[in-house]
Amino acid sequence: MTKNNNDKDAEFVTLAHFANMSEAGQVHELLQNNGIDAVLQGGNFGGLDPLPMVGGFSEIQLLVPAAELEKAMELYDAFFQDESQTLTEDQDVGNQ
């Protein structure tokens, strides 16, 4: 990723909200490793992360530059894609 004077003026938009820092950190690192200048904002209130406390509130926002939102969404969707596949009625799974 190239840095220039306009990077500090880039508009950031919310890509996702998380309830815990570990999941937010994983996605943040994924985006950073793919050249997207992602930022985490927010925190855990009323509990010790990752242990939730009754009545506690946690909201962590993952922000990305608006210009990189589409690429970030593709990476985010790939990260959370369900690995299981629905089998059709006649499909054989074989011996595993």
PDB file of N, CA and C in Angstrom:
ATOM      1  N   MET A   1       0.858  -1.174   0.000  1.00  0.00           N
ATOM      2  CA  MET A   1       0.000   0.000   0.000  1.00  0.00           C
ATOM      3  C   MET A   1       0.895   1.224   0.000  1.00  0.00           C
ATOM      4  N   THR A   2       0.569   2.165  -0.829  1.00  0.00           N
ATOM      5  CA  THR A   2       1.347   3.396  -0.866  1.00  0.00           C
ATOM      6  C   THR A   2       0.690   4.437   0.007  1.00  0.00           C
ATOM      7  N   LYS A   3       1.517   5.168   0.693  1.00  0.00           N
ATOM      8  CA  LYS A   3       1.018   6.238   1.561  1.00  0.00           C
ATOM      9  C   LYS A   3       1.250   7.569   0.863  1.00  0.00           C
ATOM     10  N   ASN A   4       0.275   8.453   0.978  1.00  0.00           N
ATOM     11  CA  ASN A   4       0.460   9.806   0.480  1.00  0.00           C
ATOM     12  C   ASN A   4      -0.244  10.762   1.429  1.00  0.00           C
ATOM     13  N   ASN A   5      -0.186  12.032   1.136  1.00  0.00           N
ATOM     14  CA  ASN A   5      -0.758  13.034   2.024  1.00  0.00           C
ATOM     15  C   ASN A   5      -2.276  12.942   2.126  1.00  0.00           C
ATOM     16  N   ASN A   6      -2.929  12.339   1.142  1.00  0.00           N
ATOM     17  CA  ASN A   6      -4.382  12.249   1.168  1.00  0.00           C
ATOM     18  C   ASN A   6      -4.887  11.131   2.076  1.00  0.00           C
ATOM     19  N   ASP A   7      -4.014  10.179   2.481  1.00  0.00           N
ATOM     20  CA  ASP A   7      -4.440   9.065   3.321  1.00  0.00           C
ATOM     21  C   ASP A   7      -5.023   9.535   4.639  1.00  0.00           C
ATOM     22  N   LYS A   8      -4.441  10.569   5.228  1.00  0.00           N
ATOM     23  CA  LYS A   8      -4.928  11.033   6.524  1.00  0.00           C
ATOM     24  C   LYS A   8      -6.283  11.720   6.408  1.00  0.00           C
ATOM     25  N   ASP A   9      -6.660  12.131   5.189  1.00  0.00           N
ATOM     26  CA  ASP A   9      -7.937  12.790   4.963  1.00  0.00           C
ATOM     27  C   ASP A   9      -8.996  11.839   4.400  1.00  0.00           C
ATOM     28  N   ALA A  10      -8.655  10.567   4.266  1.00  0.00           N
ATOM     29  CA  ALA A  10      -9.586   9.605   3.689  1.00  0.00           C
ATOM     30  C   ALA A  10     -10.819   9.455   4.577  1.00  0.00           C
ATOM     31  N   GLU A  11     -11.966   9.303   3.935  1.00  0.00           N
ATOM     32  CA  GLU A  11     -13.215   9.085   4.665  1.00  0.00           C
ATOM     33  C   GLU A  11     -13.308   7.602   5.028  1.00  0.00           C
ATOM     34  N   PHE A  12     -13.528   7.317   6.305  1.00  0.00           N
ATOM     35  CA  PHE A  12     -13.676   5.943   6.762  1.00  0.00           C
ATOM     36  C   PHE A  12     -15.157   5.631   6.955  1.00  0.00           C
ATOM     37  N   VAL A  13     -15.537   4.409   6.595  1.00  0.00           N
ATOM     38  CA  VAL A  13     -16.912   3.946   6.741  1.00  0.00           C
ATOM     39  C   VAL A  13     -16.909   2.641   7.531  1.00  0.00           C
ATOM     40  N   THR A  14     -18.030   2.341   8.166  1.00  0.00           N
ATOM     41  CA  THR A  14     -18.135   1.132   8.971  1.00  0.00           C
ATOM     42  C   THR A  14     -18.364  -0.083   8.085  1.00  0.00           C
ATOM     43  N   LEU A  15     -17.496  -1.060   8.230  1.00  0.00           N
ATOM     44  CA  LEU A  15     -17.644  -2.322   7.509  1.00  0.00           C
ATOM     45  C   LEU A  15     -18.458  -3.319   8.331  1.00  0.00           C
ATOM     46  N   ALA A  16     -18.192  -3.380   9.644  1.00  0.00           N
ATOM     47  CA  ALA A  16     -18.867  -4.376  10.484  1.00  0.00           C
ATOM     48  C   ALA A  16     -18.822  -3.967  11.946  1.00  0.00           C
ATOM     49  N   HIS A  17     -19.688  -4.601  12.733  1.00  0.00           N
ATOM     50  CA  HIS A  17     -19.722  -4.440  14.189  1.00  0.00           C
ATOM     51  C   HIS A  17     -19.413  -5.796  14.813  1.00  0.00           C
ATOM     52  N   PHE A  18     -18.687  -5.788  15.916  1.00  0.00           N
ATOM     53  CA  PHE A  18     -18.327  -7.022  16.606  1.00  0.00           C
ATOM     54  C   PHE A  18     -18.658  -6.903  18.080  1.00  0.00           C
ATOM     55  N   ALA A  19     -18.943  -8.046  18.698  1.00  0.00           N
ATOM     56  CA  ALA A  19     -19.228  -8.085  20.127  1.00  0.00           C
ATOM     57  C   ALA A  19     -17.994  -8.431  20.945  1.00  0.00           C
ATOM     58  N   ASN A  20     -16.939  -8.947  20.287  1.00  0.00           N
ATOM     59  CA  ASN A  20     -15.727  -9.263  21.041  1.00  0.00           C
ATOM     60  C   ASN A  20     -14.483  -8.876  20.261  1.00  0.00           C
ATOM     61  N   MET A  21     -13.445  -8.551  21.003  1.00  0.00           N
ATOM     62  CA  MET A  21     -12.223  -8.039  20.400  1.00  0.00           C
ATOM     63  C   MET A  21     -11.450  -9.109  19.630  1.00  0.00           C
ATOM     64  N   SER A  22     -11.557 -10.363  20.032  1.00  0.00           N
ATOM     65  CA  SER A  22     -10.782 -11.395  19.340  1.00  0.00           C
ATOM     66  C   SER A  22     -11.247 -11.561  17.892  1.00  0.00           C
ATOM     67  N   GLU A  23     -12.542 -11.598  17.671  1.00  0.00           N
ATOM     68  CA  GLU A  23     -13.063 -11.709  16.309  1.00  0.00           C
ATOM     69  C   GLU A  23     -12.757 -10.440  15.514  1.00  0.00           C
ATOM     70  N   ALA A  24     -12.938  -9.299  16.130  1.00  0.00           N
ATOM     71  CA  ALA A  24     -12.641  -8.027  15.461  1.00  0.00           C
ATOM     72  C   ALA A  24     -11.173  -7.963  15.070  1.00  0.00           C
ATOM     73  N   GLY A  25     -10.306  -8.411  15.962  1.00  0.00           N
ATOM     74  CA  GLY A  25      -8.871  -8.392  15.690  1.00  0.00           C
ATOM     75  C   GLY A  25      -8.477  -9.295  14.539  1.00  0.00           C
ATOM     76  N   GLN A  26      -9.134 -10.442  14.416  1.00  0.00           N
ATOM     77  CA  GLN A  26      -8.835 -11.356  13.317  1.00  0.00           C
ATOM     78  C   GLN A  26      -9.171 -10.728  11.971  1.00  0.00           C
ATOM     79  N   VAL A  27     -10.343 -10.122  11.883  1.00  0.00           N
ATOM     80  CA  VAL A  27     -10.749  -9.502  10.617  1.00  0.00           C
ATOM     81  C   VAL A  27      -9.876  -8.285  10.328  1.00  0.00           C
ATOM     82  N   HIS A  28      -9.559  -7.505  11.357  1.00  0.00           N
ATOM     83  CA  HIS A  28      -8.684  -6.342  11.203  1.00  0.00           C
ATOM     84  C   HIS A  28      -7.338  -6.769  10.624  1.00  0.00           C
ATOM     85  N   GLU A  29      -6.761  -7.828  11.181  1.00  0.00           N
ATOM     86  CA  GLU A  29      -5.469  -8.312  10.697  1.00  0.00           C
ATOM     87  C   GLU A  29      -5.560  -8.826   9.264  1.00  0.00           C
ATOM     88  N   LEU A  30      -6.651  -9.518   8.934  1.00  0.00           N
ATOM     89  CA  LEU A  30      -6.861  -9.999   7.572  1.00  0.00           C
ATOM     90  C   LEU A  30      -6.844  -8.836   6.582  1.00  0.00           C
ATOM     91  N   LEU A  31      -7.565  -7.772   6.915  1.00  0.00           N
ATOM     92  CA  LEU A  31      -7.619  -6.611   6.025  1.00  0.00           C
ATOM     93  C   LEU A  31      -6.259  -5.927   5.932  1.00  0.00           C
ATOM     94  N   GLN A  32      -5.591  -5.751   7.067  1.00  0.00           N
ATOM     95  CA  GLN A  32      -4.268  -5.122   7.068  1.00  0.00           C
ATOM     96  C   GLN A  32      -3.292  -5.923   6.203  1.00  0.00           C
ATOM     97  N   ASN A  33      -3.336  -7.249   6.324  1.00  0.00           N
ATOM     98  CA  ASN A  33      -2.436  -8.109   5.554  1.00  0.00           C
ATOM     99  C   ASN A  33      -2.726  -8.075   4.060  1.00  0.00           C
ATOM    100  N   ASN A  34      -3.900  -7.591   3.690  1.00  0.00           N
ATOM    101  CA  ASN A  34      -4.267  -7.477   2.281  1.00  0.00           C
ATOM    102  C   ASN A  34      -4.251  -6.033   1.794  1.00  0.00           C
ATOM    103  N   GLY A  35      -3.536  -5.177   2.532  1.00  0.00           N
ATOM    104  CA  GLY A  35      -3.308  -3.812   2.080  1.00  0.00           C
ATOM    105  C   GLY A  35      -4.412  -2.820   2.351  1.00  0.00           C
ATOM    106  N   ILE A  36      -5.364  -3.166   3.197  1.00  0.00           N
ATOM    107  CA  ILE A  36      -6.455  -2.246   3.517  1.00  0.00           C
ATOM    108  C   ILE A  36      -6.186  -1.628   4.881  1.00  0.00           C
ATOM    109  N   ASP A  37      -6.203  -0.312   4.937  1.00  0.00           N
ATOM    110  CA  ASP A  37      -5.888   0.424   6.160  1.00  0.00           C
ATOM    111  C   ASP A  37      -7.102   0.450   7.087  1.00  0.00           C
ATOM    112  N   ALA A  38      -7.394  -0.694   7.710  1.00  0.00           N
ATOM    113  CA  ALA A  38      -8.558  -0.823   8.589  1.00  0.00           C
ATOM    114  C   ALA A  38      -8.248  -0.292   9.982  1.00  0.00           C
ATOM    115  N   VAL A  39      -9.306   0.166  10.671  1.00  0.00           N
ATOM    116  CA  VAL A  39      -9.177   0.727  12.014  1.00  0.00           C
ATOM    117  C   VAL A  39     -10.280   0.142  12.889  1.00  0.00           C
ATOM    118  N   LEU A  40      -9.920  -0.239  14.124  1.00  0.00           N
ATOM    119  CA  LEU A  40     -10.917  -0.683  15.098  1.00  0.00           C
ATOM    120  C   LEU A  40     -11.253   0.478  16.010  1.00  0.00           C
ATOM    121  N   GLN A  41     -12.540   0.630  16.307  1.00  0.00           N
ATOM    122  CA  GLN A  41     -12.996   1.720  17.166  1.00  0.00           C
ATOM    123  C   GLN A  41     -14.055   1.175  18.113  1.00  0.00           C
ATOM    124  N   GLY A  42     -14.023   1.609  19.346  1.00  0.00           N
ATOM    125  CA  GLY A  42     -15.001   1.159  20.327  1.00  0.00           C
ATOM    126  C   GLY A  42     -14.334   0.283  21.358  1.00  0.00           C
ATOM    127  N   GLY A  43     -15.146  -0.372  22.148  1.00  0.00           N
ATOM    128  CA  GLY A  43     -14.570  -1.208  23.176  1.00  0.00           C
ATOM    129  C   GLY A  43     -15.602  -2.015  23.910  1.00  0.00           C
ATOM    130  N   ASN A  44     -15.141  -2.625  24.962  1.00  0.00           N
ATOM    131  CA  ASN A  44     -15.952  -3.506  25.782  1.00  0.00           C
ATOM    132  C   ASN A  44     -16.307  -2.771  27.063  1.00  0.00           C
ATOM    133  N   PHE A  45     -17.572  -2.640  27.357  1.00  0.00           N
ATOM    134  CA  PHE A  45     -18.009  -1.905  28.532  1.00  0.00           C
ATOM    135  C   PHE A  45     -18.759  -2.844  29.468  1.00  0.00           C
ATOM    136  N   GLY A  46     -18.347  -2.908  30.712  1.00  0.00           N
ATOM    137  CA  GLY A  46     -19.081  -3.690  31.698  1.00  0.00           C
ATOM    138  C   GLY A  46     -18.635  -5.120  31.832  1.00  0.00           C
ATOM    139  N   GLY A  47     -17.535  -5.493  31.242  1.00  0.00           N
ATOM    140  CA  GLY A  47     -17.053  -6.856  31.357  1.00  0.00           C
ATOM    141  C   GLY A  47     -15.590  -6.945  30.994  1.00  0.00           C
ATOM    142  N   LEU A  48     -15.013  -8.078  31.249  1.00  0.00           N
ATOM    143  CA  LEU A  48     -13.626  -8.310  30.878  1.00  0.00           C
ATOM    144  C   LEU A  48     -13.622  -9.121  29.599  1.00  0.00           C
ATOM    145  N   ASP A  49     -13.101  -8.537  28.543  1.00  0.00           N
ATOM    146  CA  ASP A  49     -13.050  -9.231  27.269  1.00  0.00           C
ATOM    147  C   ASP A  49     -12.068 -10.381  27.394  1.00  0.00           C
ATOM    148  N   PRO A  50     -12.344 -11.582  26.975  1.00  0.00           N
ATOM    149  CA  PRO A  50     -13.501 -12.006  26.197  1.00  0.00           C
ATOM    150  C   PRO A  50     -14.653 -12.527  27.045  1.00  0.00           C
ATOM    151  N   LEU A  51     -14.594 -12.342  28.356  1.00  0.00           N
ATOM    152  CA  LEU A  51     -15.654 -12.842  29.229  1.00  0.00           C
ATOM    153  C   LEU A  51     -16.760 -11.809  29.368  1.00  0.00           C
ATOM    154  N   PRO A  52     -17.934 -12.086  28.820  1.00  0.00           N
ATOM    155  CA  PRO A  52     -19.023 -11.110  28.931  1.00  0.00           C
ATOM    156  C   PRO A  52     -19.553 -11.046  30.359  1.00  0.00           C
ATOM    157  N   MET A  53     -20.061  -9.909  30.732  1.00  0.00           N
ATOM    158  CA  MET A  53     -20.654  -9.735  32.045  1.00  0.00           C
ATOM    159  C   MET A  53     -22.132  -9.439  31.847  1.00  0.00           C
ATOM    160  N   VAL A  54     -22.957 -10.001  32.694  1.00  0.00           N
ATOM    161  CA  VAL A  54     -24.394  -9.772  32.584  1.00  0.00           C
ATOM    162  C   VAL A  54     -24.650  -8.272  32.622  1.00  0.00           C
ATOM    163  N   GLY A  55     -25.390  -7.792  31.655  1.00  0.00           N
ATOM    164  CA  GLY A  55     -25.670  -6.365  31.576  1.00  0.00           C
ATOM    165  C   GLY A  55     -24.564  -5.580  30.903  1.00  0.00           C
ATOM    166  N   GLY A  56     -23.485  -6.239  30.543  1.00  0.00           N
ATOM    167  CA  GLY A  56     -22.371  -5.553  29.885  1.00  0.00           C
ATOM    168  C   GLY A  56     -22.698  -5.264  28.431  1.00  0.00           C
ATOM    169  N   PHE A  57     -21.935  -4.391  27.841  1.00  0.00           N
ATOM    170  CA  PHE A  57     -22.173  -3.982  26.466  1.00  0.00           C
ATOM    171  C   PHE A  57     -20.836  -3.908  25.752  1.00  0.00           C
ATOM    172  N   SER A  58     -20.781  -4.455  24.579  1.00  0.00           N
ATOM    173  CA  SER A  58     -19.556  -4.415  23.805  1.00  0.00           C
ATOM    174  C   SER A  58     -19.904  -4.110  22.360  1.00  0.00           C
ATOM    175  N   GLU A  59     -19.317  -3.070  21.834  1.00  0.00           N
ATOM    176  CA  GLU A  59     -19.495  -2.781  20.418  1.00  0.00           C
ATOM    177  C   GLU A  59     -18.178  -2.283  19.861  1.00  0.00           C
ATOM    178  N   ILE A  60     -17.645  -3.047  18.959  1.00  0.00           N
ATOM    179  CA  ILE A  60     -16.409  -2.677  18.295  1.00  0.00           C
ATOM    180  C   ILE A  60     -16.751  -2.493  16.825  1.00  0.00           C
ATOM    181  N   GLN A  61     -16.383  -1.351  16.279  1.00  0.00           N
ATOM    182  CA  GLN A  61     -16.628  -1.073  14.866  1.00  0.00           C
ATOM    183  C   GLN A  61     -15.337  -1.279  14.094  1.00  0.00           C
ATOM    184  N   LEU A  62     -15.459  -1.882  12.931  1.00  0.00           N
ATOM    185  CA  LEU A  62     -14.341  -2.024  12.013  1.00  0.00           C
ATOM    186  C   LEU A  62     -14.551  -1.014  10.897  1.00  0.00           C
ATOM    187  N   LEU A  63     -13.652  -0.054  10.803  1.00  0.00           N
ATOM    188  CA  LEU A  63     -13.747   1.013   9.810  1.00  0.00           C
ATOM    189  C   LEU A  63     -12.709   0.805   8.722  1.00  0.00           C
ATOM    190  N   VAL A  64     -13.091   1.110   7.486  1.00  0.00           N
ATOM    191  CA  VAL A  64     -12.181   1.028   6.347  1.00  0.00           C
ATOM    192  C   VAL A  64     -12.351   2.282   5.496  1.00  0.00           C
ATOM    193  N   PRO A  65     -11.328   2.641   4.728  1.00  0.00           N
ATOM    194  CA  PRO A  65     -11.484   3.781   3.819  1.00  0.00           C
ATOM    195  C   PRO A  65     -12.617   3.513   2.825  1.00  0.00           C
ATOM    196  N   ALA A  66     -13.428   4.518   2.581  1.00  0.00           N
ATOM    197  CA  ALA A  66     -14.576   4.369   1.679  1.00  0.00           C
ATOM    198  C   ALA A  66     -14.142   3.859   0.308  1.00  0.00           C
ATOM    199  N   ALA A  67     -12.981   4.295  -0.153  1.00  0.00           N
ATOM    200  CA  ALA A  67     -12.494   3.889  -1.467  1.00  0.00           C
ATOM    201  C   ALA A  67     -12.142   2.403  -1.521  1.00  0.00           C
ATOM    202  N   GLU A  68     -11.921   1.774  -0.378  1.00  0.00           N
ATOM    203  CA  GLU A  68     -11.535   0.363  -0.331  1.00  0.00           C
ATOM    204  C   GLU A  68     -12.654  -0.526   0.220  1.00  0.00           C
ATOM    205  N   LEU A  69     -13.855   0.026   0.354  1.00  0.00           N
ATOM    206  CA  LEU A  69     -14.965  -0.708   0.957  1.00  0.00           C
ATOM    207  C   LEU A  69     -15.311  -1.981   0.185  1.00  0.00           C
ATOM    208  N   GLU A  70     -15.376  -1.911  -1.129  1.00  0.00           N
ATOM    209  CA  GLU A  70     -15.767  -3.082  -1.919  1.00  0.00           C
ATOM    210  C   GLU A  70     -14.785  -4.236  -1.727  1.00  0.00           C
ATOM    211  N   LYS A  71     -13.489  -3.944  -1.808  1.00  0.00           N
ATOM    212  CA  LYS A  71     -12.466  -4.974  -1.606  1.00  0.00           C
ATOM    213  C   LYS A  71     -12.553  -5.523  -0.181  1.00  0.00           C
ATOM    214  N   ALA A  72     -12.751  -4.645   0.795  1.00  0.00           N
ATOM    215  CA  ALA A  72     -12.851  -5.067   2.192  1.00  0.00           C
ATOM    216  C   ALA A  72     -14.064  -5.970   2.400  1.00  0.00           C
ATOM    217  N   MET A  73     -15.179  -5.652   1.747  1.00  0.00           N
ATOM    218  CA  MET A  73     -16.386  -6.472   1.874  1.00  0.00           C
ATOM    219  C   MET A  73     -16.157  -7.867   1.299  1.00  0.00           C
ATOM    220  N   GLU A  74     -15.433  -7.952   0.187  1.00  0.00           N
ATOM    221  CA  GLU A  74     -15.134  -9.254  -0.409  1.00  0.00           C
ATOM    222  C   GLU A  74     -14.298 -10.104   0.545  1.00  0.00           C
ATOM    223  N   LEU A  75     -13.285  -9.504   1.153  1.00  0.00           N
ATOM    224  CA  LEU A  75     -12.444 -10.227   2.106  1.00  0.00           C
ATOM    225  C   LEU A  75     -13.242 -10.624   3.342  1.00  0.00           C
ATOM    226  N   TYR A  76     -14.063  -9.715   3.834  1.00  0.00           N
ATOM    227  CA  TYR A  76     -14.898  -9.979   5.009  1.00  0.00           C
ATOM    228  C   TYR A  76     -15.853 -11.142   4.739  1.00  0.00           C
ATOM    229  N   ASP A  77     -16.513 -11.113   3.581  1.00  0.00           N
ATOM    230  CA  ASP A  77     -17.446 -12.185   3.229  1.00  0.00           C
ATOM    231  C   ASP A  77     -16.724 -13.524   3.099  1.00  0.00           C
ATOM    232  N   ALA A  78     -15.521 -13.514   2.522  1.00  0.00           N
ATOM    233  CA  ALA A  78     -14.750 -14.751   2.393  1.00  0.00           C
ATOM    234  C   ALA A  78     -14.346 -15.283   3.767  1.00  0.00           C
ATOM    235  N   PHE A  79     -14.043 -14.394   4.694  1.00  0.00           N
ATOM    236  CA  PHE A  79     -13.641 -14.786   6.049  1.00  0.00           C
ATOM    237  C   PHE A  79     -14.788 -15.474   6.774  1.00  0.00           C
ATOM    238  N   PHE A  80     -16.003 -14.976   6.606  1.00  0.00           N
ATOM    239  CA  PHE A  80     -17.155 -15.510   7.316  1.00  0.00           C
ATOM    240  C   PHE A  80     -17.971 -16.504   6.503  1.00  0.00           C
ATOM    241  N   GLN A  81     -17.480 -16.876   5.324  1.00  0.00           N
ATOM    242  CA  GLN A  81     -18.213 -17.832   4.495  1.00  0.00           C
ATOM    243  C   GLN A  81     -18.315 -19.164   5.231  1.00  0.00           C
ATOM    244  N   ASP A  82     -19.499 -19.735   5.216  1.00  0.00           N
ATOM    245  CA  ASP A  82     -19.731 -21.026   5.866  1.00  0.00           C
ATOM    246  C   ASP A  82     -18.998 -22.108   5.082  1.00  0.00           C
ATOM    247  N   GLU A  83     -18.127 -22.843   5.770  1.00  0.00           N
ATOM    248  CA  GLU A  83     -17.347 -23.879   5.106  1.00  0.00           C
ATOM    249  C   GLU A  83     -18.176 -25.118   4.784  1.00  0.00           C
ATOM    250  N   SER A  84     -19.283 -25.308   5.457  1.00  0.00           N
ATOM    251  CA  SER A  84     -20.117 -26.474   5.172  1.00  0.00           C
ATOM    252  C   SER A  84     -20.875 -26.244   3.872  1.00  0.00           C
ATOM    253  N   GLN A  85     -21.131 -27.316   3.193  1.00  0.00           N
ATOM    254  CA  GLN A  85     -21.859 -27.228   1.939  1.00  0.00           C
ATOM    255  C   GLN A  85     -23.110 -28.082   2.045  1.00  0.00           C
ATOM    256  N   THR A  86     -24.193 -27.573   1.531  1.00  0.00           N
ATOM    257  CA  THR A  86     -25.435 -28.324   1.518  1.00  0.00           C
ATOM    258  C   THR A  86     -25.364 -29.358   0.405  1.00  0.00           C
ATOM    259  N   LEU A  87     -25.669 -30.602   0.750  1.00  0.00           N
ATOM    260  CA  LEU A  87     -25.633 -31.672  -0.239  1.00  0.00           C
ATOM    261  C   LEU A  87     -27.018 -31.857  -0.836  1.00  0.00           C
ATOM    262  N   THR A  88     -27.034 -32.120  -2.134  1.00  0.00           N
ATOM    263  CA  THR A  88     -28.309 -32.448  -2.754  1.00  0.00           C
ATOM    264  C   THR A  88     -28.675 -33.864  -2.335  1.00  0.00           C
ATOM    265  N   GLU A  89     -29.920 -34.216  -2.482  1.00  0.00           N
ATOM    266  CA  GLU A  89     -30.409 -35.522  -2.018  1.00  0.00           C
ATOM    267  C   GLU A  89     -29.643 -36.677  -2.643  1.00  0.00           C
ATOM    268  N   ASP A  90     -29.266 -36.572  -3.902  1.00  0.00           N
ATOM    269  CA  ASP A  90     -28.621 -37.678  -4.607  1.00  0.00           C
ATOM    270  C   ASP A  90     -27.097 -37.616  -4.569  1.00  0.00           C
ATOM    271  N   GLN A  91     -26.533 -36.648  -3.922  1.00  0.00           N
ATOM    272  CA  GLN A  91     -25.085 -36.487  -3.922  1.00  0.00           C
ATOM    273  C   GLN A  91     -24.438 -37.449  -2.930  1.00  0.00           C
ATOM    274  N   ASP A  92     -23.391 -38.164  -3.383  1.00  0.00           N
ATOM    275  CA  ASP A  92     -22.682 -39.123  -2.542  1.00  0.00           C
ATOM    276  C   ASP A  92     -21.479 -38.437  -1.907  1.00  0.00           C
ATOM    277  N   VAL A  93     -21.308 -38.616  -0.598  1.00  0.00           N
ATOM    278  CA  VAL A  93     -20.185 -37.977   0.091  1.00  0.00           C
ATOM    279  C   VAL A  93     -18.961 -38.867   0.137  1.00  0.00           C
ATOM    280  N   GLY A  94     -19.090 -40.149  -0.141  1.00  0.00           N
ATOM    281  CA  GLY A  94     -17.955 -41.063  -0.124  1.00  0.00           C
ATOM    282  C   GLY A  94     -17.486 -41.355   1.291  1.00  0.00           C
ATOM    283  N   ASN A  95     -16.406 -42.093   1.394  1.00  0.00           N
ATOM    284  CA  ASN A  95     -15.837 -42.431   2.706  1.00  0.00           C
ATOM    285  C   ASN A  95     -14.750 -41.444   3.061  1.00  0.00           C
ATOM    286  N   GLN A  96     -14.913 -40.821   4.208  1.00  0.00           N
ATOM    287  CA  GLN A  96     -13.908 -39.845   4.640  1.00  0.00           C
ATOM    288  C   GLN A  96     -13.320 -40.260   5.946  1.00  0.00           C
TER     289      GLN A  96
END
